Amino acid sequence: MATRKPKTNGGVVRRKPESAKNGSIRVVSSETEANKTASRRTGPMFPTIEQIRLRAYELYLSRGATHGDEVEDWLNAERELMES
């Protein structure tokens, strides 16, 4: 009989804590974990994908909602958020 490997999330295996005796499952997003780690650092915080996406959309709207400059909007949004 073949054994199954546990599913991983980006190479990280998450085990249920010993305190979870009732079988409950705790879902943790990687973005939340990244923000917690970033908040412990003394250096700059990096914007989340959602923040960049929203700012890029605002830039897209501000230039008349014309297509063709999506990458430039994304990079400008990322740069603006990193500077603030």
N, C-alpha and C. Protein backbone atom coordinates (compact mmCIF):
# COMPACT_ATOMS: atom_id res chain seq x y z
N MET A 1 0.84 -1.17 0.00
CA MET A 1 0.00 0.00 0.00
C MET A 1 0.89 1.24 0.00
N ALA A 2 0.61 2.18 -0.87
CA ALA A 2 1.41 3.40 -0.98
C ALA A 2 1.00 4.38 0.11
N THR A 3 1.98 5.09 0.64
CA THR A 3 1.67 6.12 1.63
C THR A 3 1.54 7.46 0.92
N ARG A 4 0.66 8.29 1.44
CA ARG A 4 0.45 9.60 0.84
C ARG A 4 1.25 10.65 1.59
N LYS A 5 1.87 11.53 0.82
CA LYS A 5 2.60 12.63 1.44
C LYS A 5 1.61 13.70 1.86
N PRO A 6 1.89 14.40 2.95
CA PRO A 6 0.98 15.47 3.36
C PRO A 6 1.02 16.61 2.35
N LYS A 7 -0.12 17.25 2.16
CA LYS A 7 -0.17 18.40 1.26
C LYS A 7 0.61 19.54 1.90
N THR A 8 1.27 20.30 1.05
CA THR A 8 2.05 21.41 1.57
C THR A 8 1.55 22.71 0.96
N ASN A 9 1.86 23.78 1.63
CA ASN A 9 1.51 25.12 1.16
C ASN A 9 2.81 25.86 0.93
N GLY A 10 3.32 25.82 -0.30
CA GLY A 10 4.57 26.49 -0.60
C GLY A 10 5.76 25.85 0.09
N GLY A 11 5.70 24.56 0.29
CA GLY A 11 6.82 23.86 0.91
C GLY A 11 6.77 23.84 2.43
N VAL A 12 5.76 24.44 3.02
CA VAL A 12 5.64 24.49 4.48
C VAL A 12 4.51 23.58 4.91
N VAL A 13 4.82 22.64 5.76
CA VAL A 13 3.79 21.75 6.30
C VAL A 13 3.30 22.35 7.60
N ARG A 14 2.01 22.58 7.70
CA ARG A 14 1.43 23.14 8.92
C ARG A 14 0.78 22.02 9.70
N ARG A 15 1.18 21.88 10.94
CA ARG A 15 0.61 20.85 11.80
C ARG A 15 -0.37 21.50 12.76
N LYS A 16 -1.38 20.74 13.13
CA LYS A 16 -2.36 21.22 14.09
C LYS A 16 -1.70 21.32 15.46
N PRO A 17 -1.93 22.41 16.18
CA PRO A 17 -1.34 22.53 17.52
C PRO A 17 -1.93 21.49 18.46
N GLU A 18 -1.16 21.15 19.45
CA GLU A 18 -1.60 20.15 20.43
C GLU A 18 -2.87 20.61 21.15
N SER A 19 -3.06 21.92 21.28
CA SER A 19 -4.22 22.43 22.00
C SER A 19 -5.53 22.23 21.24
N ALA A 20 -5.46 21.90 19.95
CA ALA A 20 -6.68 21.71 19.14
C ALA A 20 -7.14 20.27 19.25
N LYS A 21 -7.69 19.92 20.37
CA LYS A 21 -8.13 18.55 20.63
C LYS A 21 -9.48 18.24 19.99
N ASN A 22 -10.27 19.30 19.70
CA ASN A 22 -11.62 19.07 19.20
C ASN A 22 -11.68 18.88 17.69
N GLY A 23 -10.56 18.84 17.01
CA GLY A 23 -10.54 18.60 15.58
C GLY A 23 -10.75 19.85 14.74
N SER A 24 -10.72 21.03 15.36
CA SER A 24 -10.92 22.26 14.58
C SER A 24 -9.68 22.54 13.73
N ILE A 25 -9.89 23.19 12.63
CA ILE A 25 -8.81 23.50 11.70
C ILE A 25 -8.63 25.01 11.67
N ARG A 26 -7.42 25.45 11.79
CA ARG A 26 -7.11 26.88 11.75
C ARG A 26 -6.53 27.20 10.39
N VAL A 27 -7.15 28.12 9.67
CA VAL A 27 -6.68 28.51 8.36
C VAL A 27 -5.89 29.80 8.50
N VAL A 28 -4.67 29.79 7.99
CA VAL A 28 -3.81 30.96 8.06
C VAL A 28 -3.38 31.30 6.66
N SER A 29 -3.62 32.54 6.24
CA SER A 29 -3.20 32.92 4.90
C SER A 29 -1.73 33.29 4.92
N SER A 30 -1.05 33.03 3.82
CA SER A 30 0.37 33.35 3.75
C SER A 30 0.59 34.85 3.78
N GLU A 31 -0.38 35.63 3.30
CA GLU A 31 -0.24 37.09 3.33
C GLU A 31 -0.25 37.58 4.77
N THR A 32 -1.11 37.01 5.59
CA THR A 32 -1.16 37.39 7.00
C THR A 32 0.16 37.05 7.67
N GLU A 33 0.68 35.87 7.41
CA GLU A 33 1.96 35.47 7.98
C GLU A 33 3.08 36.41 7.52
N ALA A 34 3.07 36.81 6.26
CA ALA A 34 4.09 37.70 5.73
C ALA A 34 4.02 39.06 6.42
N ASN A 35 2.81 39.57 6.64
CA ASN A 35 2.66 40.86 7.30
C ASN A 35 3.11 40.80 8.75
N LYS A 36 2.83 39.69 9.44
CA LYS A 36 3.29 39.54 10.82
C LYS A 36 4.80 39.54 10.87
N THR A 37 5.42 38.83 9.93
CA THR A 37 6.88 38.78 9.89
C THR A 37 7.44 40.16 9.57
N ALA A 38 6.83 40.86 8.62
CA ALA A 38 7.30 42.18 8.24
C ALA A 38 7.15 43.17 9.39
N SER A 39 6.10 43.04 10.19
CA SER A 39 5.89 43.98 11.28
C SER A 39 6.93 43.80 12.39
N ARG A 40 7.54 42.63 12.47
CA ARG A 40 8.59 42.39 13.46
C ARG A 40 9.91 43.02 13.05
N ARG A 41 10.06 43.28 11.75
CA ARG A 41 11.30 43.87 11.26
C ARG A 41 11.30 45.37 11.53
N THR A 42 12.48 45.94 11.57
CA THR A 42 12.58 47.37 11.74
C THR A 42 12.67 48.09 10.40
N GLY A 43 12.84 47.35 9.32
CA GLY A 43 12.97 47.93 7.99
C GLY A 43 11.62 48.28 7.39
N PRO A 44 11.63 48.64 6.11
CA PRO A 44 10.38 49.05 5.45
C PRO A 44 9.41 47.89 5.28
N MET A 45 8.12 48.20 5.32
CA MET A 45 7.09 47.20 5.06
C MET A 45 6.80 47.19 3.57
N PHE A 46 6.60 46.02 3.04
CA PHE A 46 6.30 45.89 1.63
C PHE A 46 4.80 45.89 1.43
N PRO A 47 4.32 46.54 0.36
CA PRO A 47 2.88 46.55 0.11
C PRO A 47 2.39 45.16 -0.27
N THR A 48 1.15 44.89 0.04
CA THR A 48 0.56 43.61 -0.33
C THR A 48 0.16 43.65 -1.80
N ILE A 49 -0.08 42.48 -2.36
CA ILE A 49 -0.53 42.39 -3.75
C ILE A 49 -1.84 43.15 -3.93
N GLU A 50 -2.73 43.03 -2.96
CA GLU A 50 -4.02 43.71 -3.05
C GLU A 50 -3.85 45.23 -3.05
N GLN A 51 -2.93 45.76 -2.25
CA GLN A 51 -2.68 47.19 -2.23
C GLN A 51 -2.13 47.66 -3.58
N ILE A 52 -1.21 46.90 -4.13
CA ILE A 52 -0.64 47.25 -5.44
C ILE A 52 -1.72 47.18 -6.51
N ARG A 53 -2.53 46.13 -6.48
CA ARG A 53 -3.60 45.96 -7.46
C ARG A 53 -4.57 47.14 -7.43
N LEU A 54 -4.96 47.56 -6.23
CA LEU A 54 -5.89 48.67 -6.09
C LEU A 54 -5.27 49.97 -6.61
N ARG A 55 -4.03 50.24 -6.25
CA ARG A 55 -3.37 51.48 -6.71
C ARG A 55 -3.18 51.46 -8.22
N ALA A 56 -2.81 50.32 -8.78
CA ALA A 56 -2.64 50.20 -10.23
C ALA A 56 -3.97 50.47 -10.93
N TYR A 57 -5.07 50.00 -10.36
CA TYR A 57 -6.39 50.24 -10.93
C TYR A 57 -6.72 51.73 -10.87
N GLU A 58 -6.38 52.38 -9.76
CA GLU A 58 -6.61 53.82 -9.64
C GLU A 58 -5.81 54.59 -10.70
N LEU A 59 -4.57 54.17 -10.94
CA LEU A 59 -3.75 54.81 -11.98
C LEU A 59 -4.36 54.59 -13.36
N TYR A 60 -4.86 53.40 -13.61
CA TYR A 60 -5.52 53.06 -14.86
C TYR A 60 -6.72 53.98 -15.09
N LEU A 61 -7.52 54.16 -14.05
CA LEU A 61 -8.69 55.05 -14.16
C LEU A 61 -8.27 56.50 -14.36
N SER A 62 -7.22 56.91 -13.68
CA SER A 62 -6.79 58.31 -13.76
C SER A 62 -6.26 58.68 -15.14
N ARG A 63 -5.82 57.71 -15.92
CA ARG A 63 -5.35 58.02 -17.27
C ARG A 63 -6.40 57.69 -18.32
N GLY A 64 -7.66 57.66 -17.90
CA GLY A 64 -8.76 57.53 -18.83
C GLY A 64 -9.19 56.10 -19.13
N ALA A 65 -8.78 55.15 -18.35
CA ALA A 65 -9.15 53.74 -18.51
C ALA A 65 -8.81 53.20 -19.89
N THR A 66 -7.65 53.61 -20.39
CA THR A 66 -7.20 53.10 -21.69
C THR A 66 -6.28 51.92 -21.47
N HIS A 67 -6.42 50.92 -22.30
CA HIS A 67 -5.63 49.69 -22.16
C HIS A 67 -4.25 49.86 -22.79
N GLY A 68 -3.34 48.99 -22.39
CA GLY A 68 -2.03 48.94 -23.01
C GLY A 68 -0.87 49.28 -22.09
N ASP A 69 -1.14 49.82 -20.92
CA ASP A 69 -0.06 50.21 -20.00
C ASP A 69 -0.19 49.53 -18.65
N GLU A 70 -0.68 48.30 -18.64
CA GLU A 70 -0.93 47.60 -17.38
C GLU A 70 0.34 47.39 -16.56
N VAL A 71 1.41 47.01 -17.24
CA VAL A 71 2.67 46.76 -16.53
C VAL A 71 3.22 48.05 -15.96
N GLU A 72 3.14 49.12 -16.72
CA GLU A 72 3.62 50.41 -16.22
C GLU A 72 2.79 50.87 -15.03
N ASP A 73 1.47 50.68 -15.09
CA ASP A 73 0.61 51.03 -13.95
C ASP A 73 1.01 50.23 -12.72
N TRP A 74 1.25 48.93 -12.91
CA TRP A 74 1.62 48.06 -11.79
C TRP A 74 2.95 48.52 -11.16
N LEU A 75 3.94 48.78 -12.01
CA LEU A 75 5.25 49.18 -11.50
C LEU A 75 5.20 50.55 -10.82
N ASN A 76 4.43 51.47 -11.38
CA ASN A 76 4.27 52.79 -10.75
C ASN A 76 3.56 52.66 -9.41
N ALA A 77 2.53 51.83 -9.35
CA ALA A 77 1.81 51.62 -8.09
C ALA A 77 2.74 51.02 -7.04
N GLU A 78 3.52 50.03 -7.44
CA GLU A 78 4.46 49.39 -6.52
C GLU A 78 5.48 50.41 -6.01
N ARG A 79 6.01 51.22 -6.91
CA ARG A 79 7.00 52.24 -6.54
C ARG A 79 6.40 53.25 -5.58
N GLU A 80 5.21 53.74 -5.89
CA GLU A 80 4.55 54.72 -5.01
C GLU A 80 4.32 54.17 -3.60
N LEU A 81 3.85 52.93 -3.53
CA LEU A 81 3.56 52.33 -2.24
C LEU A 81 4.84 52.05 -1.44
N MET A 82 5.91 51.73 -2.12
CA MET A 82 7.18 51.47 -1.43
C MET A 82 7.75 52.78 -0.86
N GLU A 83 7.52 53.88 -1.54
CA GLU A 83 8.04 55.18 -1.10
C GLU A 83 7.25 55.76 0.07
N SER A 84 5.97 55.40 0.16
CA SER A 84 5.14 56.00 1.23
C SER A 84 5.30 55.29 2.54
